[in-house]
Amino acid sequence: MKRSPSPTLARLLTGALTALTLAAGGAQAVTFGGLNVTPRGPQNLNLETGATDLPQGGTATDSRGGVKLTAARMQLQPGQRLSAQDATITTRQGGTLKAAQVTYDLKAGTVTATGGVTYNDARFTDLSAPSMTLNVKSGFVTARGGVKAAKPAMTGAALAFDPSTMQAMLAGPYRVNQGTLRADTAAPAGRLLLVFSARSVVRATEDPDSSNRNRFEPYLK
C-alpha cells in the first residue's frame, strides 16, 4: 500500500513548487494592499506566514497616493506592510527620498525610512535625518532625530514639511542661516515656521500662530 507524504514533506514540496511557479512567471505585476508591485526576478512565497520575498527587488506603485518605490530587495506581508532595502521613493509633489531600509505600513498609510536617509525636492537640497516618514494621504514629510539640510542651510531636532501649502516647521533646538534668513534657538520647545515660494524661503516666523502649530505638531511628535 502506497503511503501519502508526511504533512511536513507535503508543505516542503508545495513550497518548492510554488517558488518555481512564481519564478517562472517572470516580472509579472501583482496587486498588494493597494500597491501595484512589479518584481525584478523570482517571488519566493512562504506558505506558513503568507510573506513573499523578492530577492532581486522591483517596483511598487501607489497610484492613489502618487508614490513610487524601487528597491534592491523587498518583502511583502499581506495586509500589513511592504519592507524594502536600498530603496528610492518618489512622491507626487516631486520629492525623492533614498534610504537603506524602508517600511510601508499599509494600515497606517505611512512610509518610514531609516539608514542614510536623504530627501530632495524643489525646496530642500540634501535634507538628511536618522529617520524620515512620508504620510501618503496628507503628503507631509517628517524628519526626526537630528535634521540637516544644505539648502536652506539648517539644523534642527525635527522638521515637518507640507508640500500642499509649501510650508515647513522646524523644531528646536535649531539654527538656520540662508541668505538674509538667520534664526536660532537652544530651546527644545522652539518652533520656526518657514514659508516657501518656488524654490526659496520668503518668510519665516519664530512665533507661529495656533492654527499652524496645531497642523504641524502631530507630525513632529
N, C-alpha and C. Protein backbone atom coordinates (compact mmCIF):
# COMPACT_ATOMS: atom_id res chain seq x y z
N MET A 1 0.84 -1.19 0.00
CA MET A 1 0.00 0.00 0.00
C MET A 1 0.89 1.25 0.00
N LYS A 2 0.55 2.23 -0.91
CA LYS A 2 1.33 3.47 -1.03
C LYS A 2 1.05 4.39 0.13
N ARG A 3 2.11 4.96 0.71
CA ARG A 3 1.94 5.92 1.80
C ARG A 3 1.90 7.34 1.24
N SER A 4 1.03 8.14 1.86
CA SER A 4 0.98 9.55 1.48
C SER A 4 2.16 10.28 2.12
N PRO A 5 2.68 11.32 1.46
CA PRO A 5 3.79 12.07 2.06
C PRO A 5 3.37 12.66 3.39
N SER A 6 4.33 12.79 4.31
CA SER A 6 4.05 13.41 5.61
C SER A 6 3.63 14.85 5.40
N PRO A 7 2.87 15.44 6.37
CA PRO A 7 2.45 16.85 6.23
C PRO A 7 3.62 17.79 6.02
N THR A 8 4.75 17.53 6.75
CA THR A 8 5.93 18.40 6.62
C THR A 8 6.50 18.30 5.22
N LEU A 9 6.64 17.06 4.72
CA LEU A 9 7.18 16.87 3.38
C LEU A 9 6.26 17.48 2.35
N ALA A 10 4.95 17.35 2.57
CA ALA A 10 3.98 17.91 1.62
C ALA A 10 4.11 19.42 1.54
N ARG A 11 4.32 20.06 2.72
CA ARG A 11 4.48 21.52 2.74
C ARG A 11 5.73 21.93 1.98
N LEU A 12 6.83 21.15 2.19
CA LEU A 12 8.08 21.48 1.51
C LEU A 12 7.95 21.34 0.00
N LEU A 13 7.29 20.25 -0.42
CA LEU A 13 7.10 20.02 -1.85
C LEU A 13 6.23 21.12 -2.46
N THR A 14 5.15 21.45 -1.74
CA THR A 14 4.25 22.50 -2.24
C THR A 14 4.97 23.83 -2.31
N GLY A 15 5.77 24.13 -1.27
CA GLY A 15 6.52 25.39 -1.24
C GLY A 15 7.50 25.47 -2.39
N ALA A 16 8.22 24.34 -2.65
CA ALA A 16 9.18 24.33 -3.75
C ALA A 16 8.48 24.53 -5.08
N LEU A 17 7.33 23.87 -5.26
CA LEU A 17 6.57 24.00 -6.50
C LEU A 17 6.07 25.43 -6.68
N THR A 18 5.59 26.03 -5.57
CA THR A 18 5.09 27.40 -5.64
C THR A 18 6.20 28.37 -6.01
N ALA A 19 7.38 28.20 -5.39
CA ALA A 19 8.51 29.09 -5.67
C ALA A 19 8.93 28.98 -7.12
N LEU A 20 8.98 27.71 -7.63
CA LEU A 20 9.34 27.52 -9.02
C LEU A 20 8.32 28.16 -9.96
N THR A 21 7.03 28.03 -9.61
CA THR A 21 5.97 28.60 -10.44
C THR A 21 6.07 30.12 -10.48
N LEU A 22 6.31 30.74 -9.31
CA LEU A 22 6.42 32.19 -9.24
C LEU A 22 7.64 32.67 -10.00
N ALA A 23 8.76 31.94 -9.87
CA ALA A 23 9.98 32.35 -10.56
C ALA A 23 9.81 32.25 -12.06
N ALA A 24 9.11 31.20 -12.51
CA ALA A 24 8.92 31.01 -13.94
C ALA A 24 8.00 32.06 -14.53
N GLY A 25 7.20 32.70 -13.68
CA GLY A 25 6.25 33.67 -14.18
C GLY A 25 6.88 34.97 -14.62
N GLY A 26 8.19 35.18 -14.30
CA GLY A 26 8.84 36.42 -14.71
C GLY A 26 8.36 37.60 -13.91
N ALA A 27 8.63 38.77 -14.43
CA ALA A 27 8.32 40.02 -13.72
C ALA A 27 6.88 40.44 -13.97
N GLN A 28 5.95 39.64 -13.53
CA GLN A 28 4.55 39.96 -13.68
C GLN A 28 4.07 40.78 -12.49
N ALA A 29 3.35 41.86 -12.78
CA ALA A 29 2.86 42.74 -11.71
C ALA A 29 1.81 42.03 -10.88
N VAL A 30 1.82 42.29 -9.56
CA VAL A 30 0.82 41.74 -8.66
C VAL A 30 0.25 42.88 -7.83
N THR A 31 -1.00 42.74 -7.41
CA THR A 31 -1.63 43.74 -6.56
C THR A 31 -1.42 43.35 -5.11
N PHE A 32 -0.97 44.30 -4.31
CA PHE A 32 -0.65 44.02 -2.91
C PHE A 32 -1.09 45.20 -2.07
N GLY A 33 -2.23 45.04 -1.37
CA GLY A 33 -2.72 46.07 -0.45
C GLY A 33 -2.87 47.44 -1.07
N GLY A 34 -3.34 47.51 -2.31
CA GLY A 34 -3.49 48.79 -2.98
C GLY A 34 -2.26 49.22 -3.76
N LEU A 35 -1.17 48.44 -3.65
CA LEU A 35 0.05 48.73 -4.40
C LEU A 35 0.14 47.82 -5.62
N ASN A 36 0.71 48.36 -6.69
CA ASN A 36 0.98 47.56 -7.87
C ASN A 36 2.47 47.22 -7.85
N VAL A 37 2.79 45.94 -7.61
CA VAL A 37 4.18 45.53 -7.42
C VAL A 37 4.67 44.74 -8.63
N THR A 38 5.77 45.21 -9.21
CA THR A 38 6.40 44.51 -10.33
C THR A 38 7.77 44.02 -9.88
N PRO A 39 7.93 42.71 -9.68
CA PRO A 39 9.22 42.17 -9.22
C PRO A 39 10.24 42.17 -10.35
N ARG A 40 11.53 42.24 -9.97
CA ARG A 40 12.60 42.19 -10.94
C ARG A 40 12.95 40.74 -11.30
N GLY A 41 12.67 39.85 -10.38
CA GLY A 41 13.03 38.45 -10.59
C GLY A 41 12.05 37.54 -9.89
N PRO A 42 12.53 36.47 -9.25
CA PRO A 42 11.65 35.49 -8.61
C PRO A 42 10.91 36.04 -7.40
N GLN A 43 9.78 35.39 -7.11
CA GLN A 43 8.98 35.71 -5.93
C GLN A 43 8.94 34.44 -5.07
N ASN A 44 9.50 34.51 -3.88
CA ASN A 44 9.56 33.35 -3.00
C ASN A 44 8.48 33.45 -1.92
N LEU A 45 7.49 32.62 -2.01
CA LEU A 45 6.35 32.64 -1.10
C LEU A 45 6.56 31.69 0.07
N ASN A 46 6.38 32.20 1.30
CA ASN A 46 6.38 31.37 2.50
C ASN A 46 4.94 30.98 2.79
N LEU A 47 4.60 29.70 2.58
CA LEU A 47 3.21 29.27 2.72
C LEU A 47 2.72 29.33 4.15
N GLU A 48 3.62 29.22 5.12
CA GLU A 48 3.19 29.24 6.52
C GLU A 48 2.83 30.64 6.99
N THR A 49 3.60 31.65 6.55
CA THR A 49 3.36 33.03 7.00
C THR A 49 2.61 33.87 5.96
N GLY A 50 2.63 33.43 4.72
CA GLY A 50 1.99 34.20 3.65
C GLY A 50 2.89 35.30 3.11
N ALA A 51 4.10 35.45 3.69
CA ALA A 51 5.02 36.50 3.26
C ALA A 51 5.67 36.12 1.94
N THR A 52 5.97 37.13 1.13
CA THR A 52 6.64 36.91 -0.14
C THR A 52 7.93 37.71 -0.17
N ASP A 53 9.02 37.04 -0.52
CA ASP A 53 10.32 37.70 -0.61
C ASP A 53 10.66 37.92 -2.08
N LEU A 54 11.08 39.15 -2.41
CA LEU A 54 11.54 39.46 -3.76
C LEU A 54 13.04 39.72 -3.66
N PRO A 55 13.88 38.69 -3.81
CA PRO A 55 15.32 38.83 -3.57
C PRO A 55 16.03 39.78 -4.53
N GLN A 56 15.43 40.03 -5.69
CA GLN A 56 16.03 40.95 -6.65
C GLN A 56 15.27 42.28 -6.70
N GLY A 57 14.38 42.46 -5.74
CA GLY A 57 13.65 43.72 -5.63
C GLY A 57 12.65 43.94 -6.75
N GLY A 58 12.37 45.22 -6.99
CA GLY A 58 11.38 45.57 -8.00
C GLY A 58 10.84 46.96 -7.77
N THR A 59 9.62 47.17 -8.26
CA THR A 59 8.98 48.48 -8.17
C THR A 59 7.58 48.32 -7.58
N ALA A 60 7.22 49.21 -6.66
CA ALA A 60 5.88 49.24 -6.07
C ALA A 60 5.29 50.63 -6.30
N THR A 61 4.09 50.68 -6.86
CA THR A 61 3.46 51.95 -7.18
C THR A 61 2.13 52.07 -6.48
N ASP A 62 1.95 53.19 -5.78
CA ASP A 62 0.67 53.53 -5.17
C ASP A 62 0.07 54.65 -6.02
N SER A 63 -0.78 54.28 -6.98
CA SER A 63 -1.32 55.28 -7.91
C SER A 63 -2.23 56.27 -7.21
N ARG A 64 -2.93 55.82 -6.18
CA ARG A 64 -3.82 56.72 -5.45
C ARG A 64 -3.03 57.73 -4.63
N GLY A 65 -1.97 57.28 -3.97
CA GLY A 65 -1.16 58.18 -3.15
C GLY A 65 -0.07 58.90 -3.91
N GLY A 66 0.15 58.50 -5.19
CA GLY A 66 1.17 59.15 -6.00
C GLY A 66 2.58 58.83 -5.58
N VAL A 67 2.79 57.63 -5.01
CA VAL A 67 4.12 57.24 -4.51
C VAL A 67 4.64 56.07 -5.34
N LYS A 68 5.92 56.16 -5.72
CA LYS A 68 6.58 55.07 -6.44
C LYS A 68 7.83 54.69 -5.69
N LEU A 69 8.01 53.39 -5.46
CA LEU A 69 9.15 52.88 -4.70
C LEU A 69 9.89 51.85 -5.55
N THR A 70 11.20 52.01 -5.67
CA THR A 70 12.04 51.00 -6.30
C THR A 70 13.08 50.57 -5.27
N ALA A 71 13.41 49.28 -5.26
CA ALA A 71 14.32 48.77 -4.24
C ALA A 71 15.10 47.57 -4.74
N ALA A 72 16.26 47.33 -4.11
CA ALA A 72 17.11 46.20 -4.48
C ALA A 72 16.52 44.88 -3.97
N ARG A 73 15.72 44.97 -2.89
CA ARG A 73 15.08 43.77 -2.33
C ARG A 73 13.81 44.18 -1.61
N MET A 74 12.79 43.32 -1.64
CA MET A 74 11.51 43.62 -0.98
C MET A 74 10.97 42.38 -0.28
N GLN A 75 10.17 42.65 0.78
CA GLN A 75 9.40 41.60 1.45
C GLN A 75 7.96 42.11 1.60
N LEU A 76 7.02 41.28 1.23
CA LEU A 76 5.61 41.64 1.30
C LEU A 76 4.91 40.81 2.37
N GLN A 77 4.27 41.48 3.31
CA GLN A 77 3.48 40.82 4.34
C GLN A 77 2.02 41.20 4.10
N PRO A 78 1.19 40.26 3.60
CA PRO A 78 -0.18 40.59 3.18
C PRO A 78 -0.98 41.35 4.23
N GLY A 79 -1.59 42.45 3.81
CA GLY A 79 -2.47 43.22 4.67
C GLY A 79 -1.76 44.03 5.73
N GLN A 80 -0.43 43.95 5.77
CA GLN A 80 0.31 44.64 6.83
C GLN A 80 1.33 45.64 6.31
N ARG A 81 2.36 45.16 5.61
CA ARG A 81 3.43 46.08 5.24
C ARG A 81 4.25 45.54 4.07
N LEU A 82 4.96 46.48 3.48
CA LEU A 82 5.99 46.19 2.49
C LEU A 82 7.30 46.70 3.06
N SER A 83 8.30 45.84 3.12
CA SER A 83 9.63 46.24 3.57
C SER A 83 10.57 46.22 2.36
N ALA A 84 11.51 47.17 2.34
CA ALA A 84 12.41 47.26 1.19
C ALA A 84 13.78 47.71 1.65
N GLN A 85 14.80 47.25 0.90
CA GLN A 85 16.18 47.63 1.20
C GLN A 85 16.79 48.34 0.00
N ASP A 86 17.68 49.31 0.29
CA ASP A 86 18.30 50.13 -0.76
C ASP A 86 17.22 50.70 -1.66
N ALA A 87 16.38 51.52 -1.06
CA ALA A 87 15.16 51.98 -1.73
C ALA A 87 15.23 53.45 -2.13
N THR A 88 14.52 53.76 -3.21
CA THR A 88 14.32 55.13 -3.67
C THR A 88 12.82 55.36 -3.83
N ILE A 89 12.32 56.43 -3.23
CA ILE A 89 10.90 56.75 -3.29
C ILE A 89 10.72 58.10 -3.97
N THR A 90 9.78 58.18 -4.90
CA THR A 90 9.42 59.46 -5.50
C THR A 90 7.96 59.76 -5.15
N THR A 91 7.67 61.04 -4.90
CA THR A 91 6.33 61.44 -4.50
C THR A 91 5.63 62.23 -5.58
N ARG A 92 4.34 62.37 -5.43
CA ARG A 92 3.54 63.13 -6.39
C ARG A 92 3.99 64.58 -6.47
N GLN A 93 4.49 65.11 -5.35
CA GLN A 93 4.90 66.51 -5.30
C GLN A 93 6.32 66.74 -5.83
N GLY A 94 6.97 65.67 -6.32
CA GLY A 94 8.30 65.84 -6.89
C GLY A 94 9.45 65.58 -5.95
N GLY A 95 9.19 65.01 -4.78
CA GLY A 95 10.25 64.70 -3.83
C GLY A 95 10.90 63.35 -4.13
N THR A 96 12.17 63.23 -3.78
CA THR A 96 12.89 61.97 -3.92
C THR A 96 13.55 61.62 -2.60
N LEU A 97 13.21 60.47 -2.05
CA LEU A 97 13.74 60.02 -0.76
C LEU A 97 14.52 58.73 -0.99
N LYS A 98 15.72 58.66 -0.41
CA LYS A 98 16.54 57.46 -0.53
C LYS A 98 16.93 56.97 0.86
N ALA A 99 16.95 55.65 1.05
CA ALA A 99 17.27 55.10 2.37
C ALA A 99 17.68 53.64 2.25
N ALA A 100 18.42 53.18 3.26
CA ALA A 100 18.84 51.78 3.29
C ALA A 100 17.68 50.85 3.61
N GLN A 101 16.76 51.32 4.45
CA GLN A 101 15.62 50.49 4.87
C GLN A 101 14.34 51.31 4.84
N VAL A 102 13.30 50.75 4.22
CA VAL A 102 12.00 51.43 4.13
C VAL A 102 10.90 50.45 4.51
N THR A 103 9.93 50.94 5.30
CA THR A 103 8.77 50.14 5.65
C THR A 103 7.50 50.90 5.29
N TYR A 104 6.69 50.31 4.44
CA TYR A 104 5.42 50.90 4.03
C TYR A 104 4.33 50.22 4.86
N ASP A 105 3.80 50.95 5.85
CA ASP A 105 2.73 50.43 6.70
C ASP A 105 1.41 50.64 5.98
N LEU A 106 0.81 49.56 5.51
CA LEU A 106 -0.40 49.67 4.69
C LEU A 106 -1.59 50.18 5.47
N LYS A 107 -1.70 49.79 6.74
CA LYS A 107 -2.83 50.21 7.56
C LYS A 107 -2.73 51.68 7.94
N ALA A 108 -1.54 52.10 8.34
CA ALA A 108 -1.34 53.49 8.76
C ALA A 108 -1.21 54.45 7.59
N GLY A 109 -0.84 53.93 6.42
CA GLY A 109 -0.63 54.80 5.27
C GLY A 109 0.63 55.63 5.40
N THR A 110 1.67 55.05 5.99
CA THR A 110 2.93 55.77 6.18
C THR A 110 4.10 54.99 5.61
N VAL A 111 5.09 55.72 5.14
CA VAL A 111 6.33 55.12 4.67
C VAL A 111 7.44 55.65 5.58
N THR A 112 8.10 54.75 6.31
CA THR A 112 9.15 55.14 7.25
C THR A 112 10.50 54.67 6.71
N ALA A 113 11.46 55.60 6.66
CA ALA A 113 12.78 55.31 6.11
C ALA A 113 13.85 55.51 7.17
N THR A 114 14.82 54.59 7.21
CA THR A 114 15.94 54.70 8.15
C THR A 114 17.22 54.27 7.43
N GLY A 115 18.35 54.74 7.97
CA GLY A 115 19.64 54.33 7.42
C GLY A 115 20.08 55.18 6.24
N GLY A 116 20.91 56.19 6.51
CA GLY A 116 21.43 57.04 5.44
C GLY A 116 20.34 57.73 4.66
N VAL A 117 19.34 58.25 5.36
CA VAL A 117 18.17 58.82 4.69
C VAL A 117 18.47 60.22 4.14
N THR A 118 18.13 60.44 2.87
CA THR A 118 18.23 61.76 2.26
C THR A 118 16.96 62.08 1.50
N TYR A 119 16.63 63.37 1.44
CA TYR A 119 15.42 63.82 0.73
C TYR A 119 15.76 65.08 -0.06
N ASN A 120 15.28 65.14 -1.30
CA ASN A 120 15.47 66.31 -2.14
C ASN A 120 14.19 66.63 -2.89
N ASP A 121 13.91 67.92 -3.03
CA ASP A 121 12.85 68.38 -3.92
C ASP A 121 13.18 69.81 -4.34
N ALA A 122 12.21 70.54 -4.87
CA ALA A 122 12.48 71.90 -5.34
C ALA A 122 12.80 72.85 -4.20
N ARG A 123 12.39 72.52 -2.97
CA ARG A 123 12.62 73.40 -1.82
C ARG A 123 13.85 73.00 -1.01
N PHE A 124 14.05 71.70 -0.84
CA PHE A 124 15.12 71.21 0.03
C PHE A 124 16.21 70.50 -0.78
N THR A 125 17.46 70.78 -0.41
CA THR A 125 18.60 70.11 -1.02
C THR A 125 19.35 69.36 0.07
N ASP A 126 19.52 68.06 -0.14
CA ASP A 126 20.27 67.19 0.79
C ASP A 126 19.74 67.29 2.22
N LEU A 127 18.45 67.20 2.36
CA LEU A 127 17.85 67.09 3.70
C LEU A 127 18.12 65.68 4.21
N SER A 128 18.68 65.58 5.40
CA SER A 128 19.01 64.26 5.95
C SER A 128 18.62 64.18 7.41
N ALA A 129 18.37 62.95 7.88
CA ALA A 129 18.00 62.69 9.26
C ALA A 129 18.09 61.18 9.50
N PRO A 130 18.23 60.75 10.76
CA PRO A 130 18.24 59.31 11.05
C PRO A 130 16.96 58.60 10.61
N SER A 131 15.84 59.33 10.67
CA SER A 131 14.55 58.73 10.30
C SER A 131 13.66 59.75 9.61
N MET A 132 12.98 59.33 8.55
CA MET A 132 12.00 60.17 7.88
C MET A 132 10.73 59.37 7.63
N THR A 133 9.61 60.09 7.69
CA THR A 133 8.31 59.44 7.46
C THR A 133 7.52 60.24 6.44
N LEU A 134 6.98 59.52 5.47
CA LEU A 134 6.09 60.12 4.48
C LEU A 134 4.67 59.67 4.78
N ASN A 135 3.78 60.64 5.05
CA ASN A 135 2.37 60.33 5.23
C ASN A 135 1.73 60.36 3.86
N VAL A 136 1.34 59.21 3.35
CA VAL A 136 0.87 59.10 1.97
C VAL A 136 -0.39 59.92 1.73
N LYS A 137 -1.31 59.92 2.68
CA LYS A 137 -2.58 60.62 2.48
C LYS A 137 -2.42 62.13 2.47
N SER A 138 -1.70 62.67 3.44
CA SER A 138 -1.56 64.13 3.56
C SER A 138 -0.40 64.67 2.74
N GLY A 139 0.57 63.81 2.41
CA GLY A 139 1.76 64.25 1.70
C GLY A 139 2.84 64.81 2.60
N PHE A 140 2.55 64.97 3.90
CA PHE A 140 3.54 65.51 4.84
C PHE A 140 4.80 64.64 4.86
N VAL A 141 5.95 65.31 4.88
CA VAL A 141 7.24 64.63 5.07
C VAL A 141 7.80 65.07 6.42
N THR A 142 8.16 64.12 7.28
CA THR A 142 8.69 64.43 8.60
C THR A 142 10.07 63.83 8.76
N ALA A 143 11.02 64.64 9.24
CA ALA A 143 12.37 64.17 9.53
C ALA A 143 12.61 64.32 11.02
N ARG A 144 13.18 63.27 11.65
CA ARG A 144 13.37 63.29 13.11
C ARG A 144 14.75 62.80 13.51
N GLY A 145 15.14 63.18 14.73
CA GLY A 145 16.35 62.63 15.32
C GLY A 145 17.61 63.44 15.03
N GLY A 146 17.44 64.66 14.54
CA GLY A 146 18.59 65.48 14.16
C GLY A 146 18.57 65.72 12.67
N VAL A 147 18.12 66.91 12.28
CA VAL A 147 17.90 67.23 10.87
C VAL A 147 19.00 68.15 10.36
N LYS A 148 19.45 67.90 9.13
CA LYS A 148 20.40 68.78 8.46
C LYS A 148 19.95 68.98 7.02
N ALA A 149 20.25 70.15 6.47
CA ALA A 149 19.96 70.42 5.06
C ALA A 149 21.00 71.39 4.51
N ALA A 150 21.34 71.19 3.23
CA ALA A 150 22.27 72.11 2.59
C ALA A 150 21.56 73.38 2.15
N LYS A 151 20.32 73.24 1.72
CA LYS A 151 19.51 74.39 1.33
C LYS A 151 18.04 74.11 1.65
N PRO A 152 17.40 74.99 2.44
CA PRO A 152 18.02 76.06 3.23
C PRO A 152 19.03 75.48 4.21
N ALA A 153 20.12 76.18 4.44
CA ALA A 153 21.16 75.71 5.36
C ALA A 153 20.60 75.70 6.77
N MET A 154 20.41 74.51 7.33
CA MET A 154 19.75 74.41 8.64
C MET A 154 20.14 73.16 9.38
N THR A 155 19.94 73.22 10.68
CA THR A 155 19.97 72.05 11.55
C THR A 155 18.80 72.19 12.51
N GLY A 156 18.30 71.07 13.03
CA GLY A 156 17.20 71.11 13.97
C GLY A 156 16.92 69.74 14.54
N ALA A 157 16.07 69.70 15.55
CA ALA A 157 15.71 68.43 16.16
C ALA A 157 14.78 67.62 15.27
N ALA A 158 13.85 68.32 14.60
CA ALA A 158 12.89 67.66 13.72
C ALA A 158 12.33 68.69 12.74
N LEU A 159 11.79 68.19 11.63
CA LEU A 159 11.22 69.06 10.61
C LEU A 159 10.00 68.38 10.01
N ALA A 160 8.92 69.14 9.84
CA ALA A 160 7.74 68.64 9.13
C ALA A 160 7.46 69.59 7.97
N PHE A 161 7.25 69.02 6.78
CA PHE A 161 7.04 69.81 5.56
C PHE A 161 5.71 69.44 4.94
N ASP A 162 4.91 70.47 4.62
CA ASP A 162 3.61 70.28 3.98
C ASP A 162 3.71 70.77 2.54
N PRO A 163 3.88 69.88 1.57
CA PRO A 163 4.05 70.31 0.18
C PRO A 163 2.82 70.97 -0.42
N SER A 164 1.65 70.72 0.15
CA SER A 164 0.43 71.31 -0.41
C SER A 164 0.34 72.80 -0.13
N THR A 165 0.96 73.26 0.96
CA THR A 165 0.96 74.69 1.31
C THR A 165 2.33 75.33 1.18
N MET A 166 3.34 74.51 0.86
CA MET A 166 4.73 74.99 0.77
C MET A 166 5.19 75.63 2.08
N GLN A 167 4.81 74.99 3.18
CA GLN A 167 5.23 75.46 4.49
C GLN A 167 5.93 74.32 5.23
N ALA A 168 6.86 74.70 6.11
CA ALA A 168 7.56 73.72 6.93
C ALA A 168 7.71 74.27 8.33
N MET A 169 7.77 73.37 9.31
CA MET A 169 8.02 73.79 10.68
C MET A 169 9.23 73.04 11.22
N LEU A 170 10.19 73.82 11.74
CA LEU A 170 11.42 73.28 12.28
C LEU A 170 11.35 73.32 13.80
N ALA A 171 11.66 72.19 14.44
CA ALA A 171 11.59 72.09 15.90
C ALA A 171 12.97 72.30 16.51
N GLY A 172 13.00 73.03 17.65
CA GLY A 172 14.25 73.34 18.31
C GLY A 172 14.82 72.18 19.11
N PRO A 173 16.08 72.31 19.45
CA PRO A 173 17.00 73.40 19.12
C PRO A 173 17.26 73.44 17.60
N TYR A 174 17.30 74.64 17.03
CA TYR A 174 17.52 74.75 15.59
C TYR A 174 18.43 75.93 15.28
N ARG A 175 18.97 75.91 14.06
CA ARG A 175 19.77 77.01 13.54
C ARG A 175 19.55 77.07 12.02
N VAL A 176 19.25 78.26 11.51
CA VAL A 176 19.05 78.46 10.07
C VAL A 176 19.89 79.66 9.64
N ASN A 177 20.63 79.48 8.55
CA ASN A 177 21.47 80.56 8.03
C ASN A 177 21.46 80.47 6.51
N GLN A 178 20.52 81.16 5.90
CA GLN A 178 20.34 81.09 4.45
C GLN A 178 20.02 82.48 3.91
N GLY A 179 20.97 83.07 3.20
CA GLY A 179 20.76 84.41 2.67
C GLY A 179 20.54 85.40 3.80
N THR A 180 19.41 86.11 3.72
CA THR A 180 19.09 87.08 4.78
C THR A 180 18.38 86.43 5.96
N LEU A 181 18.06 85.13 5.83
CA LEU A 181 17.35 84.44 6.91
C LEU A 181 18.34 83.88 7.92
N ARG A 182 18.22 84.35 9.16
CA ARG A 182 19.04 83.83 10.24
C ARG A 182 18.16 83.67 11.48
N ALA A 183 18.16 82.47 12.03
CA ALA A 183 17.36 82.20 13.22
C ALA A 183 18.00 81.05 13.97
N ASP A 184 17.95 81.14 15.29
CA ASP A 184 18.45 80.01 16.08
C ASP A 184 17.86 80.07 17.48
N THR A 185 17.76 78.91 18.09
CA THR A 185 17.30 78.80 19.47
C THR A 185 17.85 77.52 20.06
N ALA A 186 18.10 77.56 21.36
CA ALA A 186 18.53 76.36 22.09
C ALA A 186 17.36 75.67 22.77
N ALA A 187 16.19 76.27 22.67
CA ALA A 187 15.01 75.75 23.37
C ALA A 187 14.37 74.59 22.61
N PRO A 188 14.20 73.42 23.24
CA PRO A 188 13.54 72.30 22.58
C PRO A 188 12.11 72.61 22.15
N ALA A 189 11.45 73.54 22.87
CA ALA A 189 10.07 73.88 22.52
C ALA A 189 9.98 74.92 21.41
N GLY A 190 11.12 75.42 20.95
CA GLY A 190 11.12 76.44 19.90
C GLY A 190 10.58 75.89 18.59
N ARG A 191 9.86 76.73 17.86
CA ARG A 191 9.29 76.35 16.57
C ARG A 191 9.52 77.48 15.58
N LEU A 192 10.00 77.13 14.37
CA LEU A 192 10.22 78.10 13.31
C LEU A 192 9.39 77.70 12.10
N LEU A 193 8.47 78.58 11.70
CA LEU A 193 7.63 78.32 10.54
C LEU A 193 8.29 78.93 9.31
N LEU A 194 8.51 78.11 8.28
CA LEU A 194 9.13 78.55 7.03
C LEU A 194 8.08 78.52 5.93
N VAL A 195 8.00 79.59 5.17
CA VAL A 195 7.06 79.68 4.05
C VAL A 195 7.86 79.81 2.75
N PHE A 196 7.61 78.87 1.82
CA PHE A 196 8.34 78.84 0.56
C PHE A 196 7.51 79.44 -0.57
N SER A 197 8.21 79.99 -1.55
CA SER A 197 7.62 80.37 -2.82
C SER A 197 8.60 79.90 -3.88
N ALA A 198 8.12 79.07 -4.79
CA ALA A 198 9.02 78.44 -5.77
C ALA A 198 10.12 77.70 -5.01
N ARG A 199 11.38 78.12 -5.18
CA ARG A 199 12.50 77.38 -4.58
C ARG A 199 13.10 78.08 -3.36
N SER A 200 12.50 79.17 -2.93
CA SER A 200 13.12 79.96 -1.87
C SER A 200 12.19 80.17 -0.68
N VAL A 201 12.80 80.38 0.49
CA VAL A 201 12.04 80.77 1.69
C VAL A 201 11.76 82.27 1.59
N VAL A 202 10.49 82.63 1.63
CA VAL A 202 10.13 84.05 1.51
C VAL A 202 9.72 84.65 2.84
N ARG A 203 9.43 83.78 3.80
CA ARG A 203 9.03 84.30 5.11
C ARG A 203 9.31 83.26 6.18
N ALA A 204 9.68 83.72 7.36
CA ALA A 204 9.92 82.82 8.50
C ALA A 204 9.47 83.51 9.77
N THR A 205 8.87 82.75 10.66
CA THR A 205 8.44 83.32 11.94
C THR A 205 8.76 82.36 13.06
N GLU A 206 9.29 82.93 14.17
CA GLU A 206 9.59 82.13 15.35
C GLU A 206 8.43 82.10 16.33
N ASP A 207 7.31 82.67 15.91
CA ASP A 207 6.11 82.67 16.75
C ASP A 207 4.89 82.27 15.91
N PRO A 208 4.84 80.99 15.47
CA PRO A 208 3.73 80.54 14.64
C PRO A 208 2.40 80.63 15.38
N ASP A 209 1.32 80.93 14.64
CA ASP A 209 0.02 81.01 15.28
C ASP A 209 -0.47 79.61 15.65
N SER A 210 -1.55 79.58 16.43
CA SER A 210 -2.04 78.30 16.96
C SER A 210 -2.51 77.35 15.86
N SER A 211 -3.08 77.90 14.79
CA SER A 211 -3.59 77.03 13.73
C SER A 211 -2.44 76.29 13.05
N ASN A 212 -1.32 76.98 12.81
CA ASN A 212 -0.17 76.31 12.21
C ASN A 212 0.49 75.34 13.19
N ARG A 213 0.56 75.73 14.46
CA ARG A 213 1.11 74.80 15.46
C ARG A 213 0.29 73.52 15.52
N ASN A 214 -1.03 73.67 15.55
CA ASN A 214 -1.90 72.50 15.63
C ASN A 214 -1.80 71.62 14.39
N ARG A 215 -1.53 72.23 13.25
CA ARG A 215 -1.42 71.47 12.00
C ARG A 215 -0.12 70.68 11.92
N PHE A 216 0.96 71.25 12.44
CA PHE A 216 2.27 70.59 12.32
C PHE A 216 2.64 69.70 13.50
N GLU A 217 2.18 70.04 14.71
CA GLU A 217 2.64 69.33 15.90
C GLU A 217 2.45 67.80 15.84
N PRO A 218 1.31 67.30 15.34
CA PRO A 218 1.15 65.83 15.30
C PRO A 218 2.26 65.12 14.52
N TYR A 219 2.83 65.81 13.54
CA TYR A 219 3.89 65.20 12.73
C TYR A 219 5.27 65.32 13.38
N LEU A 220 5.40 66.23 14.35
CA LEU A 220 6.69 66.44 14.99
C LEU A 220 6.89 65.59 16.24
N LYS A 221 5.85 64.90 16.68
CA LYS A 221 5.93 64.10 17.90
C LYS A 221 6.74 62.84 17.65
